[in-house]
PDB file of N, CA and C in Angstrom:
ATOM      1  N   MET A   1     -30.786 138.386-107.472  1.00  0.00           N
ATOM      2  CA  MET A   1     -31.190 139.232-106.363  1.00  0.00           C
ATOM      3  C   MET A   1     -32.582 139.789-106.643  1.00  0.00           C
ATOM      4  N   THR A   2     -33.352 139.952-105.583  1.00  0.00           N
ATOM      5  CA  THR A   2     -34.707 140.467-105.730  1.00  0.00           C
ATOM      6  C   THR A   2     -34.707 141.981-105.922  1.00  0.00           C
ATOM      7  N   GLN A   3     -35.800 142.472-106.484  1.00  0.00           N
ATOM      8  CA  GLN A   3     -35.957 143.909-106.722  1.00  0.00           C
ATOM      9  C   GLN A   3     -36.433 144.614-105.450  1.00  0.00           C
ATOM     10  N   ARG A   4     -36.189 145.901-105.396  1.00  0.00           N
ATOM     11  CA  ARG A   4     -36.735 146.705-104.308  1.00  0.00           C
ATOM     12  C   ARG A   4     -38.239 146.842-104.517  1.00  0.00           C
ATOM     13  N   ILE A   5     -38.992 146.723-103.433  1.00  0.00           N
ATOM     14  CA  ILE A   5     -40.444 146.912-103.485  1.00  0.00           C
ATOM     15  C   ILE A   5     -40.853 147.779-102.303  1.00  0.00           C
ATOM     16  N   ARG A   6     -42.039 148.356-102.408  1.00  0.00           N
ATOM     17  CA  ARG A   6     -42.531 149.252-101.352  1.00  0.00           C
ATOM     18  C   ARG A   6     -43.884 148.766-100.845  1.00  0.00           C
ATOM     19  N   ALA A   7     -44.080 148.873 -99.544  1.00  0.00           N
ATOM     20  CA  ALA A   7     -45.351 148.475 -98.931  1.00  0.00           C
ATOM     21  C   ALA A   7     -46.512 149.280 -99.516  1.00  0.00           C
ATOM     22  N   THR A   8     -46.271 150.542 -99.835  1.00  0.00           N
ATOM     23  CA  THR A   8     -47.341 151.367-100.400  1.00  0.00           C
ATOM     24  C   THR A   8     -47.798 150.831-101.753  1.00  0.00           C
ATOM     25  N   ASP A   9     -46.851 150.296-102.549  1.00  0.00           N
ATOM     26  CA  ASP A   9     -47.226 149.721-103.844  1.00  0.00           C
ATOM     27  C   ASP A   9     -48.039 148.445-103.662  1.00  0.00           C
ATOM     28  N   ILE A  10     -47.643 147.609-102.701  1.00  0.00           N
ATOM     29  CA  ILE A  10     -48.396 146.379-102.425  1.00  0.00           C
ATOM     30  C   ILE A  10     -49.808 146.737-101.980  1.00  0.00           C
ATOM     31  N   SER A  11     -49.935 147.699-101.082  1.00  0.00           N
ATOM     32  CA  SER A  11     -51.258 148.118-100.607  1.00  0.00           C
ATOM     33  C   SER A  11     -52.122 148.648-101.744  1.00  0.00           C
ATOM     34  N   ARG A  12     -51.535 149.465-102.589  1.00  0.00           N
ATOM     35  CA  ARG A  12     -52.293 150.015-103.722  1.00  0.00           C
ATOM     36  C   ARG A  12     -52.762 148.904-104.659  1.00  0.00           C
ATOM     37  N   GLN A  13     -51.875 147.954-104.945  1.00  0.00           N
ATOM     38  CA  GLN A  13     -52.229 146.878-105.869  1.00  0.00           C
ATOM     39  C   GLN A  13     -53.293 145.949-105.284  1.00  0.00           C
ATOM     40  N   LEU A  14     -53.242 145.685-103.979  1.00  0.00           N
ATOM     41  CA  LEU A  14     -54.307 144.889-103.361  1.00  0.00           C
ATOM     42  C   LEU A  14     -55.628 145.644-103.396  1.00  0.00           C
ATOM     43  N   GLY A  15     -55.585 146.955-103.135  1.00  0.00           N
ATOM     44  CA  GLY A  15     -56.793 147.764-103.223  1.00  0.00           C
ATOM     45  C   GLY A  15     -57.358 147.797-104.630  1.00  0.00           C
ATOM     46  N   ASP A  16     -56.472 147.919-105.621  1.00  0.00           N
ATOM     47  CA  ASP A  16     -56.908 147.910-107.020  1.00  0.00           C
ATOM     48  C   ASP A  16     -57.550 146.575-107.398  1.00  0.00           C
ATOM     49  N   ALA A  17     -57.145 145.497-106.717  1.00  0.00           N
ATOM     50  CA  ALA A  17     -57.704 144.167-106.982  1.00  0.00           C
ATOM     51  C   ALA A  17     -59.021 143.951-106.229  1.00  0.00           C
ATOM     52  N   GLY A  18     -59.482 144.978-105.498  1.00  0.00           N
ATOM     53  CA  GLY A  18     -60.781 144.904-104.846  1.00  0.00           C
ATOM     54  C   GLY A  18     -60.761 144.492-103.382  1.00  0.00           C
ATOM     55  N   HIS A  19     -59.592 144.395-102.790  1.00  0.00           N
ATOM     56  CA  HIS A  19     -59.494 144.016-101.380  1.00  0.00           C
ATOM     57  C   HIS A  19     -59.597 145.254-100.496  1.00  0.00           C
ATOM     58  N   GLN A  20     -60.113 145.055 -99.295  1.00  0.00           N
ATOM     59  CA  GLN A  20     -60.344 146.148 -98.345  1.00  0.00           C
ATOM     60  C   GLN A  20     -59.116 146.374 -97.468  1.00  0.00           C
ATOM     61  N   HIS A  21     -58.692 147.630 -97.341  1.00  0.00           N
ATOM     62  CA  HIS A  21     -57.564 148.001 -96.488  1.00  0.00           C
ATOM     63  C   HIS A  21     -58.034 148.132 -95.040  1.00  0.00           C
ATOM     64  N   SER A  22     -57.219 147.672 -94.098  1.00  0.00           N
ATOM     65  CA  SER A  22     -57.534 147.778 -92.676  1.00  0.00           C
ATOM     66  C   SER A  22     -57.150 149.162 -92.160  1.00  0.00           C
ATOM     67  N   GLU A  23     -57.981 149.719 -91.314  1.00  0.00           N
ATOM     68  CA  GLU A  23     -57.724 151.034 -90.717  1.00  0.00           C
ATOM     69  C   GLU A  23     -57.829 150.932 -89.209  1.00  0.00           C
ATOM     70  N   TRP A  24     -56.992 151.681 -88.499  1.00  0.00           N
ATOM     71  CA  TRP A  24     -57.051 151.764 -87.047  1.00  0.00           C
ATOM     72  C   TRP A  24     -58.164 152.723 -86.660  1.00  0.00           C
ATOM     73  N   ASP A  25     -59.101 152.248 -85.832  1.00  0.00           N
ATOM     74  CA  ASP A  25     -60.218 153.115 -85.442  1.00  0.00           C
ATOM     75  C   ASP A  25     -60.044 153.713 -84.044  1.00  0.00           C
ATOM     76  N   GLY A  26     -58.852 153.586 -83.487  1.00  0.00           N
ATOM     77  CA  GLY A  26     -58.584 154.137 -82.169  1.00  0.00           C
ATOM     78  C   GLY A  26     -58.543 153.087 -81.077  1.00  0.00           C
ATOM     79  N   THR A  27     -59.227 151.979 -81.294  1.00  0.00           N
ATOM     80  CA  THR A  27     -59.218 150.896 -80.303  1.00  0.00           C
ATOM     81  C   THR A  27     -58.854 149.551 -80.914  1.00  0.00           C
ATOM     82  N   ASP A  28     -59.077 149.386 -82.216  1.00  0.00           N
ATOM     83  CA  ASP A  28     -58.824 148.105 -82.873  1.00  0.00           C
ATOM     84  C   ASP A  28     -58.695 148.340 -84.375  1.00  0.00           C
ATOM     85  N   TRP A  29     -58.205 147.319 -85.082  1.00  0.00           N
ATOM     86  CA  TRP A  29     -58.091 147.392 -86.540  1.00  0.00           C
ATOM     87  C   TRP A  29     -59.392 146.947 -87.183  1.00  0.00           C
ATOM     88  N   ASP A  30     -59.866 147.685 -88.192  1.00  0.00           N
ATOM     89  CA  ASP A  30     -61.006 147.259 -88.993  1.00  0.00           C
ATOM     90  C   ASP A  30     -60.569 146.069 -89.848  1.00  0.00           C
ATOM     91  N   PRO A  31     -61.487 145.186 -90.233  1.00  0.00           N
ATOM     92  CA  PRO A  31     -61.114 144.038 -91.070  1.00  0.00           C
ATOM     93  C   PRO A  31     -60.515 144.491 -92.403  1.00  0.00           C
ATOM     94  N   GLY A  32     -59.478 143.783 -92.842  1.00  0.00           N
ATOM     95  CA  GLY A  32     -58.831 144.070 -94.123  1.00  0.00           C
ATOM     96  C   GLY A  32     -57.347 143.777 -94.069  1.00  0.00           C
ATOM     97  N   TYR A  33     -56.642 144.145 -95.133  1.00  0.00           N
ATOM     98  CA  TYR A  33     -55.206 143.878 -95.211  1.00  0.00           C
ATOM     99  C   TYR A  33     -54.410 145.071 -94.696  1.00  0.00           C
ATOM    100  N   ARG A  34     -53.189 144.777 -94.285  1.00  0.00           N
ATOM    101  CA  ARG A  34     -52.229 145.783 -93.837  1.00  0.00           C
ATOM    102  C   ARG A  34     -50.859 145.352 -94.327  1.00  0.00           C
ATOM    103  N   SER A  35     -50.099 146.235 -94.937  1.00  0.00           N
ATOM    104  CA  SER A  35     -48.762 145.917 -95.435  1.00  0.00           C
ATOM    105  C   SER A  35     -47.721 146.732 -94.685  1.00  0.00           C
ATOM    106  N   LYS A  36     -46.591 146.086 -94.379  1.00  0.00           N
ATOM    107  CA  LYS A  36     -45.524 146.713 -93.597  1.00  0.00           C
ATOM    108  C   LYS A  36     -44.190 146.501 -94.304  1.00  0.00           C
ATOM    109  N   GLN A  37     -43.442 147.568 -94.459  1.00  0.00           N
ATOM    110  CA  GLN A  37     -42.103 147.483 -95.050  1.00  0.00           C
ATOM    111  C   GLN A  37     -41.187 146.773 -94.053  1.00  0.00           C
ATOM    112  N   SER A  38     -40.564 145.671 -94.487  1.00  0.00           N
ATOM    113  CA  SER A  38     -39.697 144.895 -93.595  1.00  0.00           C
ATOM    114  C   SER A  38     -38.254 144.900 -94.065  1.00  0.00           C
ATOM    115  N   GLY A  39     -37.969 145.665 -95.069  1.00  0.00           N
ATOM    116  CA  GLY A  39     -36.636 145.794 -95.640  1.00  0.00           C
ATOM    117  C   GLY A  39     -36.794 146.359 -97.040  1.00  0.00           C
ATOM    118  N   PRO A  40     -35.712 146.719 -97.704  1.00  0.00           N
ATOM    119  CA  PRO A  40     -35.847 147.313 -99.031  1.00  0.00           C
ATOM    120  C   PRO A  40     -36.395 146.343-100.088  1.00  0.00           C
ATOM    121  N   ARG A  41     -36.305 145.048 -99.829  1.00  0.00           N
ATOM    122  CA  ARG A  41     -36.754 144.047-100.790  1.00  0.00           C
ATOM    123  C   ARG A  41     -37.798 143.097-100.221  1.00  0.00           C
ATOM    124  N   LEU A  42     -38.387 143.457 -99.080  1.00  0.00           N
ATOM    125  CA  LEU A  42     -39.348 142.578 -98.413  1.00  0.00           C
ATOM    126  C   LEU A  42     -40.485 143.387 -97.793  1.00  0.00           C
ATOM    127  N   VAL A  43     -41.715 142.938 -98.070  1.00  0.00           N
ATOM    128  CA  VAL A  43     -42.915 143.517 -97.472  1.00  0.00           C
ATOM    129  C   VAL A  43     -43.684 142.377 -96.810  1.00  0.00           C
ATOM    130  N   HIS A  44     -44.199 142.618 -95.615  1.00  0.00           N
ATOM    131  CA  HIS A  44     -45.076 141.666 -94.951  1.00  0.00           C
ATOM    132  C   HIS A  44     -46.501 142.204 -95.013  1.00  0.00           C
ATOM    133  N   THR A  45     -47.444 141.320 -95.331  1.00  0.00           N
ATOM    134  CA  THR A  45     -48.851 141.700 -95.382  1.00  0.00           C
ATOM    135  C   THR A  45     -49.629 140.803 -94.431  1.00  0.00           C
ATOM    136  N   TYR A  46     -50.518 141.416 -93.667  1.00  0.00           N
ATOM    137  CA  TYR A  46     -51.349 140.747 -92.674  1.00  0.00           C
ATOM    138  C   TYR A  46     -52.814 140.936 -93.046  1.00  0.00           C
ATOM    139  N   HIS A  47     -53.682 140.096 -92.472  1.00  0.00           N
ATOM    140  CA  HIS A  47     -55.124 140.332 -92.554  1.00  0.00           C
ATOM    141  C   HIS A  47     -55.650 140.497 -91.149  1.00  0.00           C
ATOM    142  N   ASP A  48     -56.357 141.586 -90.914  1.00  0.00           N
ATOM    143  CA  ASP A  48     -57.007 141.826 -89.629  1.00  0.00           C
ATOM    144  C   ASP A  48     -58.470 141.445 -89.762  1.00  0.00           C
ATOM    145  N   GLY A  49     -58.980 140.705 -88.779  1.00  0.00           N
ATOM    146  CA  GLY A  49     -60.390 140.343 -88.781  1.00  0.00           C
ATOM    147  C   GLY A  49     -60.608 138.871 -89.064  1.00  0.00           C
ATOM    148  N   PRO A  50     -61.883 138.488 -89.152  1.00  0.00           N
ATOM    149  CA  PRO A  50     -62.217 137.076 -89.376  1.00  0.00           C
ATOM    150  C   PRO A  50     -61.798 136.613 -90.769  1.00  0.00           C
ATOM    151  N   GLY A  51     -61.637 135.303 -90.912  1.00  0.00           N
ATOM    152  CA  GLY A  51     -61.290 134.724 -92.202  1.00  0.00           C
ATOM    153  C   GLY A  51     -59.849 134.972 -92.610  1.00  0.00           C
ATOM    154  N   GLU A  52     -58.958 135.036 -91.628  1.00  0.00           N
ATOM    155  CA  GLU A  52     -57.562 135.376 -91.899  1.00  0.00           C
ATOM    156  C   GLU A  52     -56.941 134.480 -92.973  1.00  0.00           C
ATOM    157  N   GLN A  53     -57.036 133.175 -92.809  1.00  0.00           N
ATOM    158  CA  GLN A  53     -56.400 132.249 -93.750  1.00  0.00           C
ATOM    159  C   GLN A  53     -56.970 132.410 -95.160  1.00  0.00           C
ATOM    160  N   HIS A  54     -58.277 132.509 -95.256  1.00  0.00           N
ATOM    161  CA  HIS A  54     -58.935 132.665 -96.559  1.00  0.00           C
ATOM    162  C   HIS A  54     -58.477 133.946 -97.260  1.00  0.00           C
ATOM    163  N   HIS A  55     -58.451 135.040 -96.529  1.00  0.00           N
ATOM    164  CA  HIS A  55     -58.046 136.310 -97.130  1.00  0.00           C
ATOM    165  C   HIS A  55     -56.566 136.304 -97.519  1.00  0.00           C
ATOM    166  N   LEU A  56     -55.709 135.703 -96.695  1.00  0.00           N
ATOM    167  CA  LEU A  56     -54.293 135.616 -97.064  1.00  0.00           C
ATOM    168  C   LEU A  56     -54.114 134.819 -98.358  1.00  0.00           C
ATOM    169  N   GLU A  57     -54.928 133.787 -98.545  1.00  0.00           N
ATOM    170  CA  GLU A  57     -54.872 133.015 -99.798  1.00  0.00           C
ATOM    171  C   GLU A  57     -55.304 133.878-100.985  1.00  0.00           C
ATOM    172  N   LEU A  58     -56.340 134.694-100.801  1.00  0.00           N
ATOM    173  CA  LEU A  58     -56.779 135.589-101.877  1.00  0.00           C
ATOM    174  C   LEU A  58     -55.702 136.618-102.214  1.00  0.00           C
ATOM    175  N   TYR A  59     -55.052 137.181-101.192  1.00  0.00           N
ATOM    176  CA  TYR A  59     -53.977 138.144-101.419  1.00  0.00           C
ATOM    177  C   TYR A  59     -52.815 137.473-102.155  1.00  0.00           C
ATOM    178  N   THR A  60     -52.520 136.236-101.780  1.00  0.00           N
ATOM    179  CA  THR A  60     -51.441 135.491-102.434  1.00  0.00           C
ATOM    180  C   THR A  60     -51.714 135.350-103.930  1.00  0.00           C
ATOM    181  N   LEU A  61     -52.925 134.946-104.282  1.00  0.00           N
ATOM    182  CA  LEU A  61     -53.278 134.780-105.700  1.00  0.00           C
ATOM    183  C   LEU A  61     -53.154 136.095-106.458  1.00  0.00           C
ATOM    184  N   ALA A  62     -53.668 137.172-105.881  1.00  0.00           N
ATOM    185  CA  ALA A  62     -53.629 138.478-106.551  1.00  0.00           C
ATOM    186  C   ALA A  62     -52.184 138.928-106.774  1.00  0.00           C
ATOM    187  N   LEU A  63     -51.344 138.775-105.764  1.00  0.00           N
ATOM    188  CA  LEU A  63     -49.958 139.241-105.874  1.00  0.00           C
ATOM    189  C   LEU A  63     -49.118 138.363-106.788  1.00  0.00           C
ATOM    190  N   ARG A  64     -49.351 137.067-106.764  1.00  0.00           N
ATOM    191  CA  ARG A  64     -48.615 136.173-107.685  1.00  0.00           C
ATOM    192  C   ARG A  64     -48.972 136.484-109.136  1.00  0.00           C
ATOM    193  N   ASN A  65     -50.232 136.841-109.382  1.00  0.00           N
ATOM    194  CA  ASN A  65     -50.639 137.218-110.744  1.00  0.00           C
ATOM    195  C   ASN A  65     -49.942 138.495-111.208  1.00  0.00           C
ATOM    196  N   LEU A  66     -49.446 139.290-110.268  1.00  0.00           N
ATOM    197  CA  LEU A  66     -48.721 140.527-110.596  1.00  0.00           C
ATOM    198  C   LEU A  66     -47.211 140.307-110.648  1.00  0.00           C
ATOM    199  N   GLY A  67     -46.761 139.058-110.485  1.00  0.00           N
ATOM    200  CA  GLY A  67     -45.344 138.743-110.620  1.00  0.00           C
ATOM    201  C   GLY A  67     -44.546 138.717-109.329  1.00  0.00           C
ATOM    202  N   TYR A  68     -45.223 138.800-108.183  1.00  0.00           N
ATOM    203  CA  TYR A  68     -44.524 138.756-106.904  1.00  0.00           C
ATOM    204  C   TYR A  68     -44.320 137.307-106.460  1.00  0.00           C
ATOM    205  N   THR A  69     -43.306 137.087-105.655  1.00  0.00           N
ATOM    206  CA  THR A  69     -43.117 135.817-104.972  1.00  0.00           C
ATOM    207  C   THR A  69     -43.714 135.989-103.586  1.00  0.00           C
ATOM    208  N   VAL A  70     -44.644 135.105-103.226  1.00  0.00           N
ATOM    209  CA  VAL A  70     -45.366 135.230-101.965  1.00  0.00           C
ATOM    210  C   VAL A  70     -45.201 133.936-101.173  1.00  0.00           C
ATOM    211  N   THR A  71     -44.761 134.074 -99.926  1.00  0.00           N
ATOM    212  CA  THR A  71     -44.567 132.927 -99.045  1.00  0.00           C
ATOM    213  C   THR A  71     -45.370 133.148 -97.766  1.00  0.00           C
ATOM    214  N   ALA A  72     -46.177 132.150 -97.406  1.00  0.00           N
ATOM    215  CA  ALA A  72     -46.933 132.235 -96.152  1.00  0.00           C
ATOM    216  C   ALA A  72     -45.984 131.956 -94.991  1.00  0.00           C
ATOM    217  N   GLU A  73     -46.095 132.757 -93.944  1.00  0.00           N
ATOM    218  CA  GLU A  73     -45.264 132.612 -92.749  1.00  0.00           C
ATOM    219  C   GLU A  73     -46.152 132.717 -91.514  1.00  0.00           C
ATOM    220  N   GLN A  74     -45.577 132.308 -90.392  1.00  0.00           N
ATOM    221  CA  GLN A  74     -46.212 132.560 -89.106  1.00  0.00           C
ATOM    222  C   GLN A  74     -45.141 133.072 -88.160  1.00  0.00           C
ATOM    223  N   GLN A  75     -45.454 134.123 -87.438  1.00  0.00           N
ATOM    224  CA  GLN A  75     -44.485 134.702 -86.524  1.00  0.00           C
ATOM    225  C   GLN A  75     -44.136 133.700 -85.425  1.00  0.00           C
ATOM    226  N   ASP A  76     -42.987 133.897 -84.804  1.00  0.00           N
ATOM    227  CA  ASP A  76     -42.491 133.003 -83.762  1.00  0.00           C
ATOM    228  C   ASP A  76     -43.499 132.815 -82.629  1.00  0.00           C
ATOM    229  N   ARG A  77     -43.397 131.654 -81.996  1.00  0.00           N
ATOM    230  CA  ARG A  77     -44.188 131.304 -80.807  1.00  0.00           C
ATOM    231  C   ARG A  77     -45.691 131.388 -81.054  1.00  0.00           C
ATOM    232  N   GLY A  78     -46.122 130.883 -82.201  1.00  0.00           N
ATOM    233  CA  GLY A  78     -47.557 130.855 -82.498  1.00  0.00           C
ATOM    234  C   GLY A  78     -48.146 132.206 -82.799  1.00  0.00           C
ATOM    235  N   GLY A  79     -47.329 133.133 -83.275  1.00  0.00           N
ATOM    236  CA  GLY A  79     -47.793 134.482 -83.594  1.00  0.00           C
ATOM    237  C   GLY A  79     -48.685 134.514 -84.824  1.00  0.00           C
ATOM    238  N   ARG A  80     -48.904 135.698 -85.308  1.00  0.00           N
ATOM    239  CA  ARG A  80     -49.819 135.915 -86.440  1.00  0.00           C
ATOM    240  C   ARG A  80     -49.296 135.332 -87.734  1.00  0.00           C
ATOM    241  N   ARG A  81     -50.237 134.950 -88.576  1.00  0.00           N
ATOM    242  CA  ARG A  81     -49.892 134.544 -89.936  1.00  0.00           C
ATOM    243  C   ARG A  81     -49.673 135.812 -90.747  1.00  0.00           C
ATOM    244  N   ARG A  82     -48.807 135.698 -91.750  1.00  0.00           N
ATOM    245  CA  ARG A  82     -48.526 136.841 -92.617  1.00  0.00           C
ATOM    246  C   ARG A  82     -47.968 136.332 -93.932  1.00  0.00           C
ATOM    247  N   LEU A  83     -47.908 137.215 -94.899  1.00  0.00           N
ATOM    248  CA  LEU A  83     -47.303 136.902 -96.190  1.00  0.00           C
ATOM    249  C   LEU A  83     -45.996 137.658 -96.310  1.00  0.00           C
ATOM    250  N   ALA A  84     -44.952 136.944 -96.737  1.00  0.00           N
ATOM    251  CA  ALA A  84     -43.667 137.576 -97.048  1.00  0.00           C
ATOM    252  C   ALA A  84     -43.647 137.759 -98.563  1.00  0.00           C
ATOM    253  N   ILE A  85     -43.484 138.993 -99.011  1.00  0.00           N
ATOM    254  CA  ILE A  85     -43.599 139.324-100.440  1.00  0.00           C
ATOM    255  C   ILE A  85     -42.285 139.887-100.947  1.00  0.00           C
ATOM    256  N   THR A  86     -41.800 139.315-102.049  1.00  0.00           N
ATOM    257  CA  THR A  86     -40.618 139.795-102.735  1.00  0.00           C
ATOM    258  C   THR A  86     -40.926 139.817-104.223  1.00  0.00           C
ATOM    259  N   LYS A  87     -40.011 140.398-104.999  1.00  0.00           N
ATOM    260  CA  LYS A  87     -40.176 140.406-106.465  1.00  0.00           C
ATOM    261  C   LYS A  87     -38.850 140.039-107.099  1.00  0.00           C
ATOM    262  N   PRO A  88     -38.863 138.941-107.882  1.00  0.00           N
ATOM    263  CA  PRO A  88     -37.591 138.488-108.500  1.00  0.00           C
ATOM    264  C   PRO A  88     -37.035 139.489-109.499  1.00  0.00           C
TER     265      PRO A  88
END
């Protein structure tokens, strides 16, 4: 069974690795990553802005180096790409 993880920890670790966090400016998201708690053992991370695929690959490398299992996903009906993150 996987361990419990928190979106706040994923966000902090991506920030510590030098990645930029996305912020809502009132009308749109600034470029960067955003992590969302999707269950006690699952976090989804998105990239807002240009270069989505490239940045998701960079986030994947950083998180795998920290011991996380990272799977690339795409939401239903051609939705956004995202990373599903768990920890064994």
